[in-house]
C-alpha atoms as a PDB file:
ATOM      1  CA  MET A   1       7.832 -29.820 -18.061  1.00  0.00           C
ATOM      2  CA  LEU A   2       6.776 -26.586 -16.185  1.00  0.00           C
ATOM      3  CA  HIS A   3       7.918 -26.194 -12.299  1.00  0.00           C
ATOM      4  CA  ILE A   4       5.831 -25.194  -9.435  1.00  0.00           C
ATOM      5  CA  ALA A   5       8.006 -23.435  -6.791  1.00  0.00           C
ATOM      6  CA  CYS A   6       7.127 -22.504  -3.258  1.00  0.00           C
ATOM      7  CA  SER A   7       9.105 -18.706  -2.487  1.00  0.00           C
ATOM      8  CA  THR A   8      11.003 -18.791   0.138  1.00  0.00           C
ATOM      9  CA  LEU A   9       8.957 -15.396   1.065  1.00  0.00           C
ATOM     10  CA  CYS A  10       6.679 -17.694   2.055  1.00  0.00           C
ATOM     11  CA  PHE A  11       8.325 -18.659   5.044  1.00  0.00           C
ATOM     12  CA  THR A  12      10.863 -15.191   6.424  1.00  0.00           C
ATOM     13  CA  GLN A  13       9.938 -15.913  10.199  1.00  0.00           C
ATOM     14  CA  GLN A  14      11.918 -19.156  10.011  1.00  0.00           C
ATOM     15  CA  PRO A  15      16.173 -19.014   9.330  1.00  0.00           C
ATOM     16  CA  LEU A  16      16.401 -20.110   5.436  1.00  0.00           C
ATOM     17  CA  ASP A  17      16.979 -23.537   5.893  1.00  0.00           C
ATOM     18  CA  GLU A  18      14.162 -24.496   7.920  1.00  0.00           C
ATOM     19  CA  ALA A  19      12.059 -22.574   5.538  1.00  0.00           C
ATOM     20  CA  LEU A  20      13.390 -24.549   2.910  1.00  0.00           C
ATOM     21  CA  GLN A  21      12.603 -27.953   4.794  1.00  0.00           C
ATOM     22  CA  ARG A  22       9.175 -26.521   5.219  1.00  0.00           C
ATOM     23  CA  ILE A  23       8.366 -26.298   1.272  1.00  0.00           C
ATOM     24  CA  ALA A  24      10.263 -29.561   0.970  1.00  0.00           C
ATOM     25  CA  GLN A  25       7.110 -31.093   3.391  1.00  0.00           C
ATOM     26  CA  LEU A  26       4.563 -28.985   1.623  1.00  0.00           C
ATOM     27  CA  GLY A  27       5.143 -31.382  -1.442  1.00  0.00           C
ATOM     28  CA  PHE A  28       7.290 -28.699  -3.375  1.00  0.00           C
ATOM     29  CA  SER A  29      10.697 -30.081  -5.136  1.00  0.00           C
ATOM     30  CA  TYR A  30      11.656 -26.343  -6.401  1.00  0.00           C
ATOM     31  CA  VAL A  31      11.867 -23.332  -5.032  1.00  0.00           C
ATOM     32  CA  ASP A  32      12.022 -19.657  -5.732  1.00  0.00           C
ATOM     33  CA  LEU A  33      14.644 -17.477  -3.351  1.00  0.00           C
ATOM     34  CA  GLY A  34      13.265 -14.435  -2.362  1.00  0.00           C
ATOM     35  CA  VAL A  35      15.870 -12.116  -2.350  1.00  0.00           C
ATOM     36  CA  GLN A  36      15.089  -8.963  -0.211  1.00  0.00           C
ATOM     37  CA  ARG A  37      16.737  -6.746   2.092  1.00  0.00           C
ATOM     38  CA  TRP A  38      13.834  -7.646   4.659  1.00  0.00           C
ATOM     39  CA  SER A  39      14.364 -11.557   4.187  1.00  0.00           C
ATOM     40  CA  HIS A  40      16.939 -14.670   4.145  1.00  0.00           C
ATOM     41  CA  VAL A  41      19.452 -13.046   2.209  1.00  0.00           C
ATOM     42  CA  SER A  42      19.874  -9.259   0.277  1.00  0.00           C
ATOM     43  CA  ALA A  43      21.278  -8.046  -2.636  1.00  0.00           C
ATOM     44  CA  ARG A  44      23.434  -6.491  -0.951  1.00  0.00           C
ATOM     45  CA  GLU A  45      25.045  -9.313   1.129  1.00  0.00           C
ATOM     46  CA  ILE A  46      25.090 -11.558  -2.169  1.00  0.00           C
ATOM     47  CA  ALA A  47      27.453  -8.401  -3.236  1.00  0.00           C
ATOM     48  CA  HIS A  48      29.488  -8.254  -0.257  1.00  0.00           C
ATOM     49  CA  SER A  49      29.719 -12.251   0.406  1.00  0.00           C
ATOM     50  CA  GLY A  50      28.696 -14.134  -2.441  1.00  0.00           C
ATOM     51  CA  GLU A  51      30.248 -17.547  -2.254  1.00  0.00           C
ATOM     52  CA  GLU A  52      29.518 -17.299   1.750  1.00  0.00           C
ATOM     53  CA  ILE A  53      26.357 -17.194   0.885  1.00  0.00           C
ATOM     54  CA  ALA A  54      26.387 -19.136  -2.162  1.00  0.00           C
ATOM     55  CA  ASN A  55      27.787 -22.367  -0.580  1.00  0.00           C
ATOM     56  CA  SER A  56      25.310 -21.753   2.683  1.00  0.00           C
ATOM     57  CA  LEU A  57      21.788 -22.149   0.317  1.00  0.00           C
ATOM     58  CA  GLN A  58      23.596 -25.349  -1.662  1.00  0.00           C
ATOM     59  CA  HIS A  59      23.701 -27.129   1.533  1.00  0.00           C
ATOM     60  CA  SER A  60      20.700 -25.954   2.775  1.00  0.00           C
ATOM     61  CA  LEU A  61      18.628 -26.394  -0.754  1.00  0.00           C
ATOM     62  CA  GLN A  62      20.676 -29.846  -0.542  1.00  0.00           C
ATOM     63  CA  GLN A  63      19.616 -31.007   2.716  1.00  0.00           C
ATOM     64  CA  ALA A  64      16.204 -29.886   2.436  1.00  0.00           C
ATOM     65  CA  GLY A  65      15.890 -32.015  -1.000  1.00  0.00           C
ATOM     66  CA  VAL A  66      14.641 -28.933  -3.292  1.00  0.00           C
ATOM     67  CA  GLU A  67      16.559 -27.213  -6.453  1.00  0.00           C
ATOM     68  CA  LEU A  68      16.149 -23.489  -7.260  1.00  0.00           C
ATOM     69  CA  ALA A  69      14.187 -22.704  -9.729  1.00  0.00           C
ATOM     70  CA  ALA A  70      12.973 -18.818  -9.268  1.00  0.00           C
ATOM     71  CA  MET A  71      15.191 -15.633  -7.886  1.00  0.00           C
ATOM     72  CA  ASN A  72      12.901 -12.804  -6.759  1.00  0.00           C
ATOM     73  CA  VAL A  73      15.576  -9.999  -6.620  1.00  0.00           C
ATOM     74  CA  GLY A  74      14.762  -6.753  -4.397  1.00  0.00           C
ATOM     75  CA  LEU A  75      17.414  -4.535  -5.898  1.00  0.00           C
ATOM     76  CA  ASP A  76      18.621  -1.847  -2.975  1.00  0.00           C
ATOM     77  CA  ARG A  77      19.046   1.761  -4.074  1.00  0.00           C
ATOM     78  CA  SER A  78      19.623   2.784  -0.403  1.00  0.00           C
ATOM     79  CA  ALA A  79      22.693   0.104  -0.596  1.00  0.00           C
ATOM     80  CA  ASP A  80      26.730   0.669  -0.185  1.00  0.00           C
ATOM     81  CA  VAL A  81      26.550  -1.088  -3.061  1.00  0.00           C
ATOM     82  CA  SER A  82      25.638   0.229  -6.690  1.00  0.00           C
ATOM     83  CA  LEU A  83      23.215  -1.742  -8.370  1.00  0.00           C
ATOM     84  CA  ALA A  84      25.619  -3.069 -11.065  1.00  0.00           C
ATOM     85  CA  GLU A  85      27.055  -4.510  -8.491  1.00  0.00           C
ATOM     86  CA  GLN A  86      24.080  -6.274  -7.269  1.00  0.00           C
ATOM     87  CA  VAL A  87      23.260  -7.406 -10.386  1.00  0.00           C
ATOM     88  CA  SER A  88      26.292  -8.806 -11.299  1.00  0.00           C
ATOM     89  CA  ALA A  89      26.407 -11.206  -7.878  1.00  0.00           C
ATOM     90  CA  VAL A  90      22.823 -11.707  -7.732  1.00  0.00           C
ATOM     91  CA  CYS A  91      23.109 -13.132 -11.531  1.00  0.00           C
ATOM     92  CA  ALA A  92      26.318 -14.983 -10.897  1.00  0.00           C
ATOM     93  CA  LEU A  93      24.280 -16.983  -7.907  1.00  0.00           C
ATOM     94  CA  ALA A  94      21.617 -17.463 -10.636  1.00  0.00           C
ATOM     95  CA  ALA A  95      24.099 -18.601 -13.257  1.00  0.00           C
ATOM     96  CA  SER A  96      25.844 -21.303 -10.678  1.00  0.00           C
ATOM     97  CA  HIS A  97      22.154 -22.975 -10.297  1.00  0.00           C
ATOM     98  CA  ASN A  98      21.288 -22.611 -14.090  1.00  0.00           C
ATOM     99  CA  LEU A  99      18.859 -20.001 -13.894  1.00  0.00           C
ATOM    100  CA  PRO A 100      18.491 -18.540 -17.399  1.00  0.00           C
ATOM    101  CA  ALA A 101      16.079 -15.712 -15.837  1.00  0.00           C
ATOM    102  CA  ILE A 102      15.566 -13.725 -12.553  1.00  0.00           C
ATOM    103  CA  CYS A 103      12.737 -11.615 -11.093  1.00  0.00           C
ATOM    104  CA  ILE A 104      13.785  -7.726 -10.250  1.00  0.00           C
ATOM    105  CA  ASN A 105      11.936  -4.687  -8.943  1.00  0.00           C
ATOM    106  CA  ALA A 106      10.769  -2.474 -11.768  1.00  0.00           C
ATOM    107  CA  PRO A 107      11.528   1.309 -11.850  1.00  0.00           C
ATOM    108  CA  ALA A 108       9.323   3.252  -9.245  1.00  0.00           C
ATOM    109  CA  SER A 109       6.256   4.937 -11.175  1.00  0.00           C
ATOM    110  CA  ASP A 110       7.416   8.339 -11.248  1.00  0.00           C
ATOM    111  CA  THR A 111      10.539   7.273 -12.970  1.00  0.00           C
ATOM    112  CA  PRO A 112      10.667   8.997 -16.408  1.00  0.00           C
ATOM    113  CA  LEU A 113      10.524   6.238 -19.344  1.00  0.00           C
ATOM    114  CA  GLU A 114      13.684   7.698 -20.757  1.00  0.00           C
ATOM    115  CA  SER A 115      15.801   7.504 -17.565  1.00  0.00           C
ATOM    116  CA  ALA A 116      14.308   4.078 -16.653  1.00  0.00           C
ATOM    117  CA  ILE A 117      15.160   2.494 -20.054  1.00  0.00           C
ATOM    118  CA  ALA A 118      18.809   3.834 -19.361  1.00  0.00           C
ATOM    119  CA  GLU A 119      19.291   2.004 -16.075  1.00  0.00           C
ATOM    120  CA  LEU A 120      17.687  -1.277 -17.394  1.00  0.00           C
ATOM    121  CA  ARG A 121      19.776  -1.020 -20.770  1.00  0.00           C
ATOM    122  CA  GLN A 122      22.630  -0.898 -18.028  1.00  0.00           C
ATOM    123  CA  LEU A 123      21.924  -3.454 -15.423  1.00  0.00           C
ATOM    124  CA  ALA A 124      20.356  -5.972 -18.159  1.00  0.00           C
ATOM    125  CA  ALA A 125      23.873  -5.861 -20.452  1.00  0.00           C
ATOM    126  CA  ILE A 126      25.508  -6.812 -16.884  1.00  0.00           C
ATOM    127  CA  ALA A 127      23.500  -9.703 -16.665  1.00  0.00           C
ATOM    128  CA  SER A 128      23.761 -10.857 -20.231  1.00  0.00           C
ATOM    129  CA  ARG A 129      27.489 -11.774 -19.278  1.00  0.00           C
ATOM    130  CA  SER A 130      25.881 -14.129 -17.055  1.00  0.00           C
ATOM    131  CA  ASP A 131      23.915 -15.853 -19.161  1.00  0.00           C
ATOM    132  CA  VAL A 132      20.723 -14.213 -17.460  1.00  0.00           C
ATOM    133  CA  THR A 133      17.779 -12.340 -18.164  1.00  0.00           C
ATOM    134  CA  LEU A 134      16.304  -9.957 -16.024  1.00  0.00           C
ATOM    135  CA  CYS A 135      12.535  -9.843 -15.473  1.00  0.00           C
ATOM    136  CA  LEU A 136      11.043  -6.723 -14.322  1.00  0.00           C
ATOM    137  CA  GLU A 137       7.706  -7.778 -12.197  1.00  0.00           C
ATOM    138  CA  THR A 138       4.843  -6.997 -12.351  1.00  0.00           C
ATOM    139  CA  HIS A 139       3.884  -4.677  -9.526  1.00  0.00           C
ATOM    140  CA  VAL A 140       1.715  -1.434  -8.292  1.00  0.00           C
ATOM    141  CA  ASN A 141       3.419   1.810  -7.668  1.00  0.00           C
ATOM    142  CA  CYS A 142       6.178   0.568 -10.103  1.00  0.00           C
ATOM    143  CA  LEU A 143       6.307   1.412 -13.689  1.00  0.00           C
ATOM    144  CA  THR A 144       5.407  -2.301 -15.054  1.00  0.00           C
ATOM    145  CA  GLU A 145       1.856  -1.567 -12.680  1.00  0.00           C
ATOM    146  CA  LEU A 146       0.220  -0.823 -16.454  1.00  0.00           C
ATOM    147  CA  PRO A 147       0.727  -3.894 -19.122  1.00  0.00           C
ATOM    148  CA  ALA A 148       1.277  -1.533 -21.833  1.00  0.00           C
ATOM    149  CA  VAL A 149       4.278   0.206 -19.401  1.00  0.00           C
ATOM    150  CA  ALA A 150       5.797  -2.709 -18.810  1.00  0.00           C
ATOM    151  CA  VAL A 151       5.581  -4.453 -22.404  1.00  0.00           C
ATOM    152  CA  GLN A 152       7.259  -0.991 -23.578  1.00  0.00           C
ATOM    153  CA  LEU A 153      10.281  -1.455 -21.254  1.00  0.00           C
ATOM    154  CA  VAL A 154      11.082  -5.056 -22.454  1.00  0.00           C
ATOM    155  CA  GLU A 155      10.687  -4.478 -25.931  1.00  0.00           C
ATOM    156  CA  SER A 156      13.333  -1.230 -25.455  1.00  0.00           C
ATOM    157  CA  VAL A 157      15.509  -3.010 -23.792  1.00  0.00           C
ATOM    158  CA  PRO A 158      18.013  -6.005 -25.069  1.00  0.00           C
ATOM    159  CA  ASN A 159      17.493  -9.083 -22.736  1.00  0.00           C
ATOM    160  CA  LEU A 160      15.297  -8.481 -20.495  1.00  0.00           C
ATOM    161  CA  GLY A 161      11.419  -9.877 -19.616  1.00  0.00           C
ATOM    162  CA  ILE A 162       8.639 -10.259 -17.460  1.00  0.00           C
ATOM    163  CA  ALA A 163       8.052 -11.526 -14.205  1.00  0.00           C
ATOM    164  CA  LEU A 164       4.096 -11.885 -13.827  1.00  0.00           C
ATOM    165  CA  ASP A 165       2.623 -11.498 -10.862  1.00  0.00           C
ATOM    166  CA  PRO A 166      -1.084 -10.768 -12.154  1.00  0.00           C
ATOM    167  CA  SER A 167      -2.565  -9.779  -8.661  1.00  0.00           C
ATOM    168  CA  HIS A 168      -1.063  -6.527  -8.772  1.00  0.00           C
ATOM    169  CA  PHE A 169      -2.755  -6.320 -12.460  1.00  0.00           C
ATOM    170  CA  TYR A 170      -6.085  -7.102 -10.091  1.00  0.00           C
ATOM    171  CA  ALA A 171      -6.025  -5.443  -6.989  1.00  0.00           C
ATOM    172  CA  GLY A 172      -3.802  -2.125  -8.556  1.00  0.00           C
ATOM    173  CA  PRO A 173      -4.943   0.426 -10.961  1.00  0.00           C
ATOM    174  CA  TRP A 174      -4.941  -1.455 -13.810  1.00  0.00           C
ATOM    175  CA  GLN A 175      -8.267  -3.071 -12.124  1.00  0.00           C
ATOM    176  CA  GLY A 176      -8.007  -7.078 -13.484  1.00  0.00           C
ATOM    177  CA  ARG A 177      -8.250  -5.836 -17.707  1.00  0.00           C
ATOM    178  CA  GLU A 178      -6.750  -7.636 -20.257  1.00  0.00           C
ATOM    179  CA  PHE A 179      -2.958  -8.099 -19.953  1.00  0.00           C
ATOM    180  CA  SER A 180      -2.334 -11.335 -22.319  1.00  0.00           C
ATOM    181  CA  ALA A 181      -0.113  -8.861 -23.897  1.00  0.00           C
ATOM    182  CA  THR A 182       2.533  -9.288 -21.533  1.00  0.00           C
ATOM    183  CA  TYR A 183       2.922 -13.160 -22.171  1.00  0.00           C
ATOM    184  CA  PRO A 184       4.966 -13.368 -24.885  1.00  0.00           C
ATOM    185  CA  HIS A 185       7.440 -11.357 -22.970  1.00  0.00           C
ATOM    186  CA  THR A 186       6.645 -13.705 -19.589  1.00  0.00           C
ATOM    187  CA  ARG A 187       9.898 -15.731 -18.560  1.00  0.00           C
ATOM    188  CA  ILE A 188       8.461 -15.892 -14.608  1.00  0.00           C
ATOM    189  CA  VAL A 189       5.049 -15.960 -12.912  1.00  0.00           C
ATOM    190  CA  HIS A 190       4.052 -15.769  -9.294  1.00  0.00           C
ATOM    191  CA  LEU A 191       0.844 -16.730  -8.271  1.00  0.00           C
ATOM    192  CA  ARG A 192      -1.268 -15.608  -5.937  1.00  0.00           C
ATOM    193  CA  ASP A 193      -5.181 -14.848  -5.703  1.00  0.00           C
ATOM    194  CA  ALA A 194      -6.225 -10.789  -5.270  1.00  0.00           C
ATOM    195  CA  GLY A 195      -9.237  -9.020  -4.888  1.00  0.00           C
ATOM    196  CA  SER A 196      -9.370  -5.406  -6.500  1.00  0.00           C
ATOM    197  CA  THR A 197      -7.669  -3.389  -3.385  1.00  0.00           C
ATOM    198  CA  LEU A 198      -4.101  -3.604  -2.322  1.00  0.00           C
ATOM    199  CA  ASP A 199      -5.655  -4.309   1.612  1.00  0.00           C
ATOM    200  CA  ARG A 200      -6.765  -7.663  -0.761  1.00  0.00           C
ATOM    201  CA  LEU A 201      -3.738  -8.591  -1.912  1.00  0.00           C
ATOM    202  CA  HIS A 202      -3.539 -11.803  -0.406  1.00  0.00           C
ATOM    203  CA  MET A 203      -6.998 -14.007  -0.984  1.00  0.00           C
ATOM    204  CA  PRO A 204      -7.296 -18.010  -0.497  1.00  0.00           C
ATOM    205  CA  PRO A 205      -7.255 -19.492  -4.181  1.00  0.00           C
ATOM    206  CA  GLY A 206     -10.268 -19.290  -5.919  1.00  0.00           C
ATOM    207  CA  THR A 207     -11.995 -16.904  -3.694  1.00  0.00           C
ATOM    208  CA  GLY A 208     -10.020 -13.496  -5.566  1.00  0.00           C
ATOM    209  CA  ARG A 209     -10.764 -12.193  -9.412  1.00  0.00           C
ATOM    210  CA  VAL A 210      -7.601 -13.662 -10.921  1.00  0.00           C
ATOM    211  CA  ASP A 211      -8.871 -16.141 -13.529  1.00  0.00           C
ATOM    212  CA  PHE A 212      -6.103 -18.368 -13.082  1.00  0.00           C
ATOM    213  CA  ALA A 213      -7.592 -21.082 -15.502  1.00  0.00           C
ATOM    214  CA  GLY A 214      -7.253 -18.065 -18.303  1.00  0.00           C
ATOM    215  CA  LEU A 215      -4.081 -16.983 -17.036  1.00  0.00           C
ATOM    216  CA  LEU A 216      -2.458 -20.755 -17.188  1.00  0.00           C
ATOM    217  CA  ALA A 217      -4.118 -21.381 -20.234  1.00  0.00           C
ATOM    218  CA  GLY A 218      -3.176 -18.409 -22.093  1.00  0.00           C
ATOM    219  CA  LEU A 219       0.627 -18.534 -20.787  1.00  0.00           C
ATOM    220  CA  VAL A 220       0.609 -22.891 -22.390  1.00  0.00           C
ATOM    221  CA  GLN A 221      -0.393 -21.079 -25.937  1.00  0.00           C
ATOM    222  CA  GLN A 222       2.057 -18.313 -25.699  1.00  0.00           C
ATOM    223  CA  GLY A 223       4.718 -21.492 -25.042  1.00  0.00           C
ATOM    224  CA  TYR A 224       5.471 -20.559 -21.616  1.00  0.00           C
ATOM    225  CA  ALA A 225       8.421 -22.928 -19.888  1.00  0.00           C
ATOM    226  CA  GLY A 226       9.512 -20.545 -16.859  1.00  0.00           C
ATOM    227  CA  PRO A 227       8.559 -21.511 -13.394  1.00  0.00           C
ATOM    228  CA  LEU A 228       4.933 -21.210 -11.411  1.00  0.00           C
ATOM    229  CA  SER A 229       6.154 -19.735  -7.894  1.00  0.00           C
ATOM    230  CA  VAL A 230       3.573 -19.931  -5.437  1.00  0.00           C
ATOM    231  CA  GLU A 231       3.868 -16.513  -3.414  1.00  0.00           C
ATOM    232  CA  TYR A 232       1.903 -15.904  -0.485  1.00  0.00           C
ATOM    233  CA  ILE A 233       4.251 -13.599   1.562  1.00  0.00           C
ATOM    234  CA  ASP A 234       3.928 -14.772   5.185  1.00  0.00           C
ATOM    235  CA  THR A 235       4.777 -11.079   6.519  1.00  0.00           C
ATOM    236  CA  ALA A 236       1.115 -10.234   5.370  1.00  0.00           C
ATOM    237  CA  TYR A 237      -0.472 -12.362   8.069  1.00  0.00           C
ATOM    238  CA  ALA A 238      -1.012 -11.966  11.894  1.00  0.00           C
ATOM    239  CA  LYS A 239       0.141 -14.935  14.010  1.00  0.00           C
ATOM    240  CA  ASP A 240      -3.259 -16.367  14.850  1.00  0.00           C
ATOM    241  CA  THR A 241      -3.850 -16.397  11.198  1.00  0.00           C
ATOM    242  CA  TYR A 242      -0.424 -18.414  10.629  1.00  0.00           C
ATOM    243  CA  ALA A 243      -2.140 -22.336   9.930  1.00  0.00           C
ATOM    244  CA  ASP A 244      -4.474 -20.356   6.924  1.00  0.00           C
ATOM    245  CA  HIS A 245      -1.367 -18.832   5.301  1.00  0.00           C
ATOM    246  CA  VAL A 246       0.498 -22.178   5.193  1.00  0.00           C
ATOM    247  CA  GLN A 247      -3.050 -23.690   3.574  1.00  0.00           C
ATOM    248  CA  GLN A 248      -3.130 -21.231   1.466  1.00  0.00           C
ATOM    249  CA  VAL A 249      -0.165 -22.201   0.556  1.00  0.00           C
ATOM    250  CA  ASP A 250      -0.548 -25.195  -0.657  1.00  0.00           C
ATOM    251  CA  ALA A 251      -3.863 -24.776  -1.640  1.00  0.00           C
ATOM    252  CA  MET A 252      -2.858 -22.655  -4.879  1.00  0.00           C
ATOM    253  CA  ALA A 253      -0.267 -25.202  -5.773  1.00  0.00           C
ATOM    254  CA  GLY A 254      -2.761 -27.620  -6.250  1.00  0.00           C
ATOM    255  CA  LEU A 255      -5.259 -25.470  -7.653  1.00  0.00           C
ATOM    256  CA  ALA A 256      -2.136 -24.564 -10.703  1.00  0.00           C
ATOM    257  CA  ARG A 257      -1.623 -28.376 -10.661  1.00  0.00           C
ATOM    258  CA  SER A 258      -5.368 -29.056 -11.454  1.00  0.00           C
ATOM    259  CA  LEU A 259      -5.530 -26.989 -13.961  1.00  0.00           C
ATOM    260  CA  LEU A 260      -2.896 -27.974 -15.321  1.00  0.00           C
ATOM    261  CA  ALA A 261      -3.810 -31.527 -15.272  1.00  0.00           C
ATOM    262  CA  ILE A 262      -6.998 -29.664 -17.531  1.00  0.00           C
ATOM    263  CA  LEU A 263      -4.752 -28.483 -20.060  1.00  0.00           C
ATOM    264  CA  ASP A 264      -2.703 -31.904 -20.260  1.00  0.00           C
ATOM    265  CA  VAL A 265       0.649 -29.847 -19.144  1.00  0.00           C
ATOM    266  CA  GLN A 266       3.122 -31.637 -17.417  1.00  0.00           C
ATOM    267  CA  ASN A 267       4.734 -30.503 -14.344  1.00  0.00           C
ATOM    268  CA  SER A 268       6.137 -30.812 -11.290  1.00  0.00           C
END
C-alpha cells in the first residue's frame, strides 16, 4: 500500500505541533518531516539535541494522530557539526520510526563527480549502520538536476537511492524530457505541479506540465512502494494567497488518490 504524506514544509509558518494538527485536519495520516535550517528543525539541531527533538516529535505526532513516513533532510555544510555527524543523527531518528530511506540534498551542480561520489560513499555507509538508505533529491542547481547524472551517482554508491521530485525536471534545465530511468532507483517521491521556469515551480495541480498519470503509472509498474509526499512549500506564497496554497496541498493529494484508484493501487 502506498502512503500519501504531507510535508511539514507546507506549513513552516506555524509551530511544528500546529503544523501536524493542520496536516491531520486535511485528512492526511502520514507526514514527511522537513529537516531544513529554515524550517521547524534542522539536521544541526538534531545532531546537537537528538533525544530531546525525538521525544518532542513523537509527542506531537501522537497528539495529531499521524505517522512519520519520510524525512526531507537538508544537510548543512556551514554548520558547526560535520556532514557525517548530521547523517548519523538524522538516520538514528529515521530508524526510530522504522523509515527505510530518507531524502537528502544532492551535491551542488558544480561539484566534480568523483568528489561527490567519494563523499556520498562515506555518508551512505554511515546511514547503513542505522539500516537507512540515503536518497538524493532531484533538484535544480544540484548534480541531480539531470536524470542521467542522478542515476550515475546512485549506481556508483552502495546504499544510495533517488528522492524523485519531478517538478525540478520540468522547471529546470531538463525541461520535462524523459526521466523514467530514475524510476528503478526511486525510494521517495515528492508531488508538486510545475511549469517550465523556476518561477513556476509551484503550480496548482493539473495546471502545470507534470504528467502525474504517467509518473505514477511508471512507478507502479516498477513496483514502487515508498511514500508520495505532497510538497507545496508555504514560503513560496504571499499571505494573501495562503488559502490558495492550502487548497493546492489538498488538491494534490486528491489528484494522487484518484490516479492511484484508476491504477487499482491501494493507498492511505
